[in-house]
Protein backbone atom coordinates (compact mmCIF):
# COMPACT_ATOMS: atom_id res chain seq x y z
CA MET A 1 10.40 -7.56 18.52
CA LEU A 2 11.36 -4.09 19.67
CA VAL A 3 15.09 -3.44 20.09
CA LEU A 4 16.14 -0.28 21.97
CA ASP A 5 19.46 1.13 23.17
CA LEU A 6 19.01 1.34 26.95
CA ARG A 7 21.36 4.31 27.22
CA TRP A 8 19.20 6.42 24.91
CA VAL A 9 16.04 5.33 26.71
CA LEU A 10 17.46 6.41 30.08
CA PHE A 11 18.73 9.66 28.59
CA GLY A 12 15.31 10.40 27.12
CA ILE A 13 13.59 9.66 30.44
CA LEU A 14 16.03 11.95 32.26
CA VAL A 15 15.49 14.82 29.81
CA LEU A 16 11.71 14.39 29.94
CA GLY A 17 11.84 14.30 33.75
CA PHE A 18 13.74 17.62 33.92
CA ALA A 19 11.33 19.15 31.40
CA ILE A 20 8.27 18.06 33.36
CA ALA A 21 9.74 19.21 36.70
CA GLY A 22 10.53 22.62 35.20
CA LEU A 23 7.10 22.86 33.64
CA VAL A 24 5.36 22.01 36.91
CA ALA A 25 7.35 24.67 38.76
CA TRP A 26 6.58 27.22 36.06
CA LEU A 27 2.88 26.34 36.10
CA ALA A 28 2.71 26.64 39.90
CA ASN A 29 4.47 30.01 39.79
CA GLY A 30 2.05 31.20 37.13
CA LEU A 31 -0.89 30.26 39.34
CA ARG A 32 0.53 32.13 42.32
CA LEU A 33 0.95 35.23 40.16
CA GLY A 34 -2.66 34.98 38.97
CA ARG A 35 -1.74 34.70 35.29
CA TRP A 36 -3.83 31.57 34.70
CA ARG A 37 -7.31 32.79 35.37
CA SER A 38 -7.98 34.29 31.96
CA LEU A 39 -5.81 31.93 29.87
CA PRO A 40 -4.34 28.51 30.63
CA PHE A 41 -0.89 30.09 30.16
CA PRO A 42 0.81 32.85 28.19
CA LEU A 43 0.32 32.69 24.44
CA GLU A 44 4.04 32.19 23.75
CA ALA A 45 4.08 29.11 26.01
CA ARG A 46 0.85 27.80 24.52
CA ALA A 47 2.46 27.71 21.08
CA ILE A 48 5.15 25.40 22.50
CA PHE A 49 2.65 23.06 24.15
CA GLU A 50 0.60 22.87 20.96
CA ARG A 51 3.62 21.18 19.31
CA ALA A 52 4.74 19.13 22.31
CA PRO A 53 5.46 15.41 21.70
CA PHE A 54 3.41 14.49 24.77
CA GLY A 55 -0.11 15.14 26.02
CA LEU A 56 -0.77 17.93 28.51
CA LEU A 57 -4.06 18.43 30.36
CA LEU A 58 -4.74 21.08 32.99
CA LEU A 59 -7.75 20.36 35.19
CA ASP A 60 -9.63 22.75 37.48
CA ASP A 61 -11.15 19.66 39.10
CA PRO A 62 -10.92 15.93 38.24
CA GLY A 63 -13.81 16.20 35.78
CA THR A 64 -13.25 19.62 34.19
CA CYS A 65 -10.47 20.31 31.71
CA ARG A 66 -9.19 23.86 31.38
CA TYR A 67 -6.76 22.99 28.60
CA ALA A 68 -5.74 19.96 26.55
CA ASN A 69 -3.06 20.26 23.90
CA PRO A 70 -3.57 18.60 20.45
CA TYR A 71 -1.57 15.49 21.41
CA ALA A 72 -3.81 14.91 24.44
CA GLN A 73 -6.95 15.53 22.40
CA ARG A 74 -5.93 12.91 19.82
CA LEU A 75 -4.81 10.41 22.43
CA LEU A 76 -7.88 10.68 24.65
CA GLY A 77 -10.45 11.39 21.95
CA LEU A 78 -11.40 14.86 23.23
CA ALA A 79 -13.54 16.92 20.86
CA THR A 80 -12.45 20.30 22.31
CA PRO A 81 -9.39 21.60 24.18
CA SER A 82 -11.49 22.43 27.27
CA GLY A 83 -14.70 21.45 28.99
CA THR A 84 -16.18 18.50 30.88
CA LEU A 85 -14.33 15.23 30.38
CA PRO A 86 -16.38 12.51 28.66
CA PRO A 87 -17.58 9.44 30.58
CA ALA A 88 -15.02 6.66 30.02
CA ASN A 89 -12.95 4.16 31.96
CA TRP A 90 -9.92 6.43 31.81
CA THR A 91 -11.77 9.46 33.26
CA GLU A 92 -12.72 7.46 36.34
CA ALA A 93 -9.08 6.35 36.73
CA LEU A 94 -8.01 9.99 36.34
CA ARG A 95 -10.40 11.04 39.11
CA GLN A 96 -8.84 8.47 41.41
CA ASP A 97 -5.32 9.65 40.60
CA CYS A 98 -6.23 13.30 41.14
CA SER A 99 -7.65 12.41 44.55
CA ILE A 100 -4.49 10.52 45.48
CA VAL A 101 -2.05 13.28 44.50
CA GLN A 102 -3.73 15.99 46.57
CA GLY A 103 -1.34 17.07 49.26
CA ARG A 104 1.62 15.17 47.85
CA VAL A 105 4.84 16.91 46.96
CA ALA A 106 4.53 17.92 43.32
CA THR A 107 7.43 15.77 42.16
CA ALA A 108 5.88 12.63 43.70
CA GLY A 109 2.76 12.64 41.54
CA ARG A 110 0.94 9.53 40.41
CA TYR A 111 1.99 7.27 37.52
CA ARG A 112 -0.37 4.91 35.69
CA GLY A 113 -0.64 2.85 32.51
CA ILE A 114 -4.19 2.38 31.22
CA ALA A 115 -6.09 0.86 28.30
CA LEU A 116 -8.07 3.40 26.29
CA GLY A 117 -9.80 0.71 24.25
CA GLU A 118 -9.16 -2.75 22.86
CA GLU A 119 -6.03 -1.73 20.94
CA ARG A 120 -4.96 1.62 22.44
CA PHE A 121 -2.92 2.27 25.56
CA ALA A 122 -1.60 5.32 27.36
CA ARG A 123 0.71 6.15 30.26
CA TRP A 124 0.29 9.30 32.31
CA TRP A 125 1.77 11.15 35.28
CA VAL A 126 -0.53 13.32 37.39
CA THR A 127 0.50 16.02 39.83
CA ALA A 128 -1.41 18.66 41.78
CA TRP A 129 -0.75 21.97 43.53
CA ARG A 130 -2.52 25.04 44.89
CA ALA A 131 -1.40 28.63 45.40
CA ASN A 132 -2.16 28.61 49.15
CA ARG A 133 -3.93 26.50 51.74
CA GLY A 134 -7.40 27.85 50.95
CA ALA A 135 -7.03 27.91 47.17
CA PRO A 136 -8.56 25.22 44.93
CA TRP A 137 -6.40 22.42 43.60
CA THR A 138 -5.10 22.47 40.04
CA TYR A 139 -4.03 19.26 38.34
CA ALA A 140 -1.55 18.68 35.50
CA VAL A 141 -1.60 15.44 33.51
CA PHE A 142 1.33 14.49 31.27
CA ALA A 143 0.39 11.63 28.92
CA LEU A 144 2.13 9.49 26.29
CA ASP A 145 0.70 7.10 23.70
CA ALA A 146 1.96 3.66 24.79
CA THR A 147 0.13 1.64 22.13
CA ALA A 148 3.24 0.68 20.15
CA GLN A 149 5.17 -0.19 23.31
CA GLN A 150 2.29 -2.27 24.68
CA ARG A 151 1.93 -4.15 21.40
CA ALA A 152 5.68 -4.82 21.30
CA GLU A 153 5.64 -6.11 24.88
CA ARG A 154 2.64 -8.33 24.14
CA SER A 155 4.27 -9.55 20.93
CA ALA A 156 7.45 -10.41 22.83
CA ARG A 157 5.49 -12.30 25.50
CA ASP A 158 3.57 -14.23 22.86
CA LEU A 159 6.76 -14.93 20.95
CA PHE A 160 8.63 -16.42 23.90
CA SER A 161 5.58 -18.40 24.93
CA ASP A 162 5.05 -19.81 21.45
CA LEU A 163 8.75 -20.43 20.91
CA SER A 164 9.14 -22.39 24.14
CA HIS A 165 6.14 -24.51 23.14
CA GLU A 166 7.40 -25.08 19.59
CA LEU A 167 10.94 -26.03 20.63
CA ARG A 168 9.76 -28.53 23.24
CA THR A 169 8.91 -31.26 20.70
CA PRO A 170 12.08 -31.21 18.55
CA ILE A 171 14.33 -30.95 21.61
CA ALA A 172 12.54 -33.88 23.27
CA THR A 173 12.88 -35.91 20.06
CA ILE A 174 16.62 -35.24 19.79
CA LEU A 175 17.22 -36.05 23.48
CA THR A 176 15.23 -39.29 23.17
CA HIS A 177 17.21 -40.49 20.16
CA LEU A 178 20.50 -39.54 21.78
CA GLU A 179 19.58 -41.97 24.53
CA VAL A 180 18.66 -44.57 21.90
CA LEU A 181 22.08 -44.21 20.27
CA ARG A 182 23.74 -45.04 23.60
CA LEU A 183 22.04 -48.41 23.81
CA PRO A 184 24.45 -51.37 23.50
CA ASP A 185 24.10 -53.71 20.53
CA LEU A 186 21.91 -51.24 18.69
CA ALA A 187 20.86 -52.46 15.23
CA GLU A 188 22.37 -50.45 12.38
CA GLU A 189 18.92 -49.85 10.91
CA VAL A 190 17.65 -48.35 14.18
CA ARG A 191 20.80 -46.25 14.51
CA ALA A 192 20.26 -44.86 10.99
CA GLN A 193 16.62 -44.05 11.75
CA SER A 194 17.54 -42.23 14.96
CA LEU A 195 20.23 -40.19 13.22
CA ASN A 196 17.81 -39.30 10.43
CA LEU A 197 15.11 -38.17 12.86
CA MET A 198 17.62 -36.07 14.80
CA GLN A 199 18.75 -34.44 11.58
CA VAL A 200 15.17 -33.70 10.56
CA GLU A 201 14.40 -32.05 13.92
CA ALA A 202 17.66 -30.09 13.94
CA ARG A 203 16.91 -28.73 10.47
CA ARG A 204 13.41 -27.85 11.60
CA MET A 205 14.80 -25.81 14.51
CA SER A 206 17.29 -24.15 12.17
CA ARG A 207 14.52 -23.11 9.76
CA MET A 208 12.43 -21.87 12.67
CA ALA A 209 15.30 -19.79 14.08
CA SER A 210 16.09 -18.31 10.65
CA ALA A 211 12.47 -17.36 9.95
CA LEU A 212 12.04 -15.97 13.45
CA LEU A 213 15.13 -13.77 13.13
CA GLU A 214 13.87 -12.46 9.79
CA LEU A 215 10.43 -11.74 11.23
CA SER A 216 11.81 -10.04 14.34
CA TRP A 217 14.19 -7.91 12.27
CA LEU A 218 11.39 -6.71 10.03
CA GLU A 219 9.13 -5.89 12.98
CA ALA A 220 11.89 -4.02 14.79
CA SER A 221 13.54 -2.09 11.95
CA GLY A 222 10.78 -1.53 9.45
CA ASP A 223 13.42 -0.78 6.80
CA ILE A 224 13.35 -2.27 3.32
CA GLU A 225 14.90 -1.21 0.04
CA ARG A 226 12.59 0.69 -2.27
CA ARG A 227 13.86 0.22 -5.82
CA PRO A 228 12.32 -0.54 -9.20
CA VAL A 229 11.67 -4.28 -9.57
CA ASP A 230 10.91 -6.15 -12.79
CA LEU A 231 8.54 -8.73 -11.35
CA LEU A 232 8.24 -11.16 -14.27
CA PRO A 233 11.89 -12.36 -14.43
CA LEU A 234 12.00 -12.46 -10.63
CA VAL A 235 8.99 -14.80 -10.48
CA GLU A 236 10.24 -16.85 -13.45
CA GLU A 237 13.43 -17.51 -11.47
CA ILE A 238 11.41 -18.60 -8.40
CA VAL A 239 9.21 -20.94 -10.47
CA THR A 240 12.32 -22.50 -12.05
CA GLN A 241 13.85 -22.95 -8.59
CA MET A 242 10.72 -24.63 -7.21
CA THR A 243 10.05 -26.87 -10.25
CA PRO A 244 12.25 -29.82 -9.10
CA GLN A 245 10.44 -29.89 -5.74
CA ALA A 246 7.08 -29.86 -7.54
CA GLN A 247 8.16 -32.63 -9.92
CA ARG A 248 9.31 -34.87 -7.06
CA LYS A 249 5.83 -34.61 -5.59
CA GLY A 250 3.98 -34.95 -8.91
CA VAL A 251 2.62 -31.39 -8.78
CA MET A 252 2.18 -29.40 -11.99
CA LEU A 253 3.65 -25.91 -11.53
CA SER A 254 3.08 -23.06 -14.01
CA LEU A 255 3.30 -19.27 -14.43
CA GLU A 256 0.73 -17.05 -16.13
CA SER A 257 1.53 -13.39 -16.70
CA ASP A 258 0.50 -10.33 -18.65
CA ALA A 259 3.27 -8.85 -20.77
CA PRO A 260 4.66 -6.36 -20.46
CA LEU A 261 4.31 -5.61 -16.75
CA GLU A 262 5.08 -2.20 -15.30
CA LEU A 263 7.89 -2.02 -12.76
CA VAL A 264 6.84 -2.31 -9.13
CA ILE A 265 8.59 -0.54 -6.26
CA GLY A 266 10.06 -2.60 -3.42
CA ASP A 267 12.77 -4.91 -2.20
CA ALA A 268 13.54 -7.66 -4.73
CA GLY A 269 15.08 -9.98 -2.11
CA ARG A 270 12.05 -9.69 0.18
CA LEU A 271 9.63 -10.22 -2.70
CA LYS A 272 11.51 -13.42 -3.59
CA GLN A 273 10.87 -14.59 -0.02
CA VAL A 274 7.15 -13.94 -0.48
CA PHE A 275 6.84 -16.02 -3.65
CA LEU A 276 9.14 -18.78 -2.31
CA ASN A 277 7.08 -19.15 0.86
CA LEU A 278 3.76 -19.14 -0.97
CA LEU A 279 4.90 -21.68 -3.57
CA ASP A 280 6.52 -23.87 -0.93
CA ASN A 281 3.21 -23.91 0.98
CA ALA A 282 1.22 -24.71 -2.15
CA ILE A 283 3.47 -27.60 -3.17
CA LYS A 284 3.81 -28.94 0.36
CA TYR A 285 0.10 -29.24 1.10
CA ILE A 286 -1.25 -30.54 -2.22
CA GLY A 287 -0.86 -34.02 -3.70
CA PRO A 288 0.25 -35.70 -6.95
CA GLY A 289 -1.78 -34.58 -9.95
CA ASN A 290 -2.72 -31.24 -8.41
CA ARG A 291 -1.77 -27.92 -9.97
CA ALA A 292 -0.15 -24.76 -8.54
CA VAL A 293 -0.33 -21.61 -10.68
CA VAL A 294 1.40 -18.27 -10.16
CA SER A 295 -0.32 -15.39 -11.93
CA LEU A 296 0.77 -11.77 -12.51
CA ARG A 297 -1.81 -9.34 -13.91
CA GLN A 298 -1.40 -5.68 -14.75
CA ARG A 299 -3.92 -3.44 -12.98
CA PRO A 300 -4.22 0.37 -12.80
CA GLY A 301 -1.57 1.46 -10.30
CA SER A 302 -0.48 -2.05 -9.31
CA VAL A 303 0.43 -5.57 -10.34
CA ALA A 304 -2.02 -8.16 -8.99
CA CYS A 305 -0.23 -11.31 -7.84
CA ALA A 306 -1.74 -14.68 -6.96
CA VAL A 307 -0.63 -18.21 -6.09
CA CYS A 308 -3.50 -20.67 -6.53
CA ASP A 309 -3.82 -24.45 -6.29
CA ASP A 310 -6.54 -27.07 -6.69
CA GLY A 311 -5.53 -29.04 -3.59
CA PRO A 312 -7.66 -30.03 -0.58
CA GLY A 313 -7.99 -26.45 0.65
CA ILE A 314 -7.93 -25.06 4.19
CA GLN A 315 -10.75 -25.93 6.56
CA PRO A 316 -12.85 -22.90 7.59
CA GLN A 317 -11.93 -23.11 11.29
CA HIS A 318 -8.24 -22.74 10.42
CA LEU A 319 -8.49 -20.01 7.79
CA PRO A 320 -8.62 -16.96 10.16
CA HIS A 321 -5.50 -18.15 11.99
CA VAL A 322 -3.09 -19.40 9.32
CA THR A 323 -1.07 -16.14 9.22
CA LYS A 324 -0.39 -16.21 12.97
CA ARG A 325 3.03 -17.21 14.24
CA PHE A 326 3.51 -20.96 14.68
CA TYR A 327 -0.08 -21.74 13.70
CA ARG A 328 -0.53 -24.86 11.61
CA GLY A 329 -3.82 -26.03 10.17
CA VAL A 330 -2.28 -29.42 9.32
CA PRO A 331 -0.81 -32.28 11.38
CA GLU A 332 2.56 -31.83 13.11
CA GLY A 333 4.46 -34.00 10.68
CA SER A 334 4.12 -31.59 7.76
CA GLY A 335 7.58 -30.14 8.40
CA GLY A 336 6.59 -26.46 8.32
CA SER A 337 7.83 -23.96 10.86
CA GLY A 338 4.49 -22.18 11.20
CA LEU A 339 6.22 -18.87 10.42
CA GLY A 340 6.11 -18.73 6.62
CA LEU A 341 2.81 -16.91 6.19
CA ALA A 342 3.51 -14.61 9.15
CA LEU A 343 6.74 -13.58 7.40
CA VAL A 344 4.87 -13.06 4.10
CA VAL A 345 2.30 -10.81 5.81
CA GLU A 346 5.04 -8.71 7.45
CA ILE A 347 6.97 -8.27 4.18
CA LEU A 348 3.83 -7.28 2.27
CA GLN A 349 2.91 -4.72 4.92
CA HIS A 350 6.29 -3.09 4.29
CA HIS A 351 5.30 -2.95 0.61
CA GLN A 352 1.94 -1.27 1.37
CA SER A 353 0.14 -4.47 0.49
CA GLN A 354 -2.07 -7.03 2.22
CA LEU A 355 -2.42 -10.79 1.84
CA GLU A 356 -5.87 -12.14 1.02
CA ILE A 357 -6.60 -15.87 1.32
CA ASP A 358 -9.56 -17.67 -0.25
CA SER A 359 -9.96 -21.40 0.23
CA ARG A 360 -12.55 -24.14 -0.28
CA SER A 361 -12.19 -27.50 1.41
CA GLU A 362 -15.58 -29.00 0.49
CA GLY A 363 -17.47 -29.62 -2.72
CA ALA A 364 -16.42 -30.66 -6.22
CA GLU A 365 -13.87 -27.86 -6.62
CA THR A 366 -11.46 -27.35 -3.75
CA GLY A 367 -8.28 -25.33 -3.48
CA THR A 368 -6.57 -22.28 -2.06
CA CYS A 369 -5.74 -18.93 -3.63
CA VAL A 370 -3.59 -16.25 -1.98
CA ARG A 371 -3.58 -12.78 -3.52
CA PHE A 372 -1.85 -9.45 -3.05
CA ALA A 373 -1.16 -6.34 -5.15
CA LEU A 374 2.17 -4.53 -5.45
CA PRO A 375 2.17 -0.78 -6.23
CA ILE A 376 3.84 0.15 -9.49
CA LEU A 377 6.70 2.63 -9.83
CA SER A 378 5.30 6.16 -9.97
CA GLY A 379 6.79 9.03 -11.92
CA GLU A 380 7.97 10.70 -8.69
CA GLU A 381 9.99 7.61 -7.74
CA VAL A 382 11.83 7.28 -11.07
């Protein structure tokens, strides 16, 4: 979830607004003086626009680009800094905006947000001017890549939607049992059951809130410690911590590792969360007599990590979705928050790693194996 200081956002918008207004005035003056017919603008100004942190396009007409700076070329997928604009949904929208801004005061312009593809978004502001009444129109387009902002907004919408859905059940359960506890002559056994269920649901909400805060913090900050980590003792500690839980359920838990292992680079606390979540999932969803094995193998440039079990596996229809927030491929009563694997994926991305999940739910041999590789400490990072 994106967290911004509103004061800095407003300040940035104000500065950008003054810069654009000044640039438009300068461009218009340059046109009146006839300096733009041979070059888009003086060479000293062009050097500035080549490094600008926003896209700039100058159009002789809505379909012909006289100049596009490198930012605009990357954003809009233009092969050259000038020429005919390619056929695309955004070029048609740009034509419409250019038509609208004709005759408007330059500072009014036209603002639009537009999708450039399935996963890319842009925002632009278009203005137009001409040197005199009979002169042709010239258009300036100032564009920004809004992909990250759009994804953050969509993520926030999905988060609040999912969270409201997920909290509905535990809150309803607690409210129902509060009413039960107010009944006169309530049997002690029923009272104890109601209190236990309320406690279970309250703990579930607490776990959900904790995991959600962790996930949101990682998405917003992107900061983790990058220090040498000796992975074997770290994982040995996690296996020891999880052994009582495995024994209570009749699950055999073991660790297999190459020795010695090279140091990996990362955040030891976050890596503990990864192994804890993966082992907790493995133990939770397999039955008595099943095995869960953690393996660490030395590979060139990395340590390959895996948590595998011989449980019932994940059904194929659930497998593509299990890392999504709040998704559960098992019945509601399992007690999970639906955030564990999403948190694992986010932590591994911050360690330049990806989670791979293989699972078989049919046949003689079933089970699930999750794998990832952690980069080892390089000589430059020592």
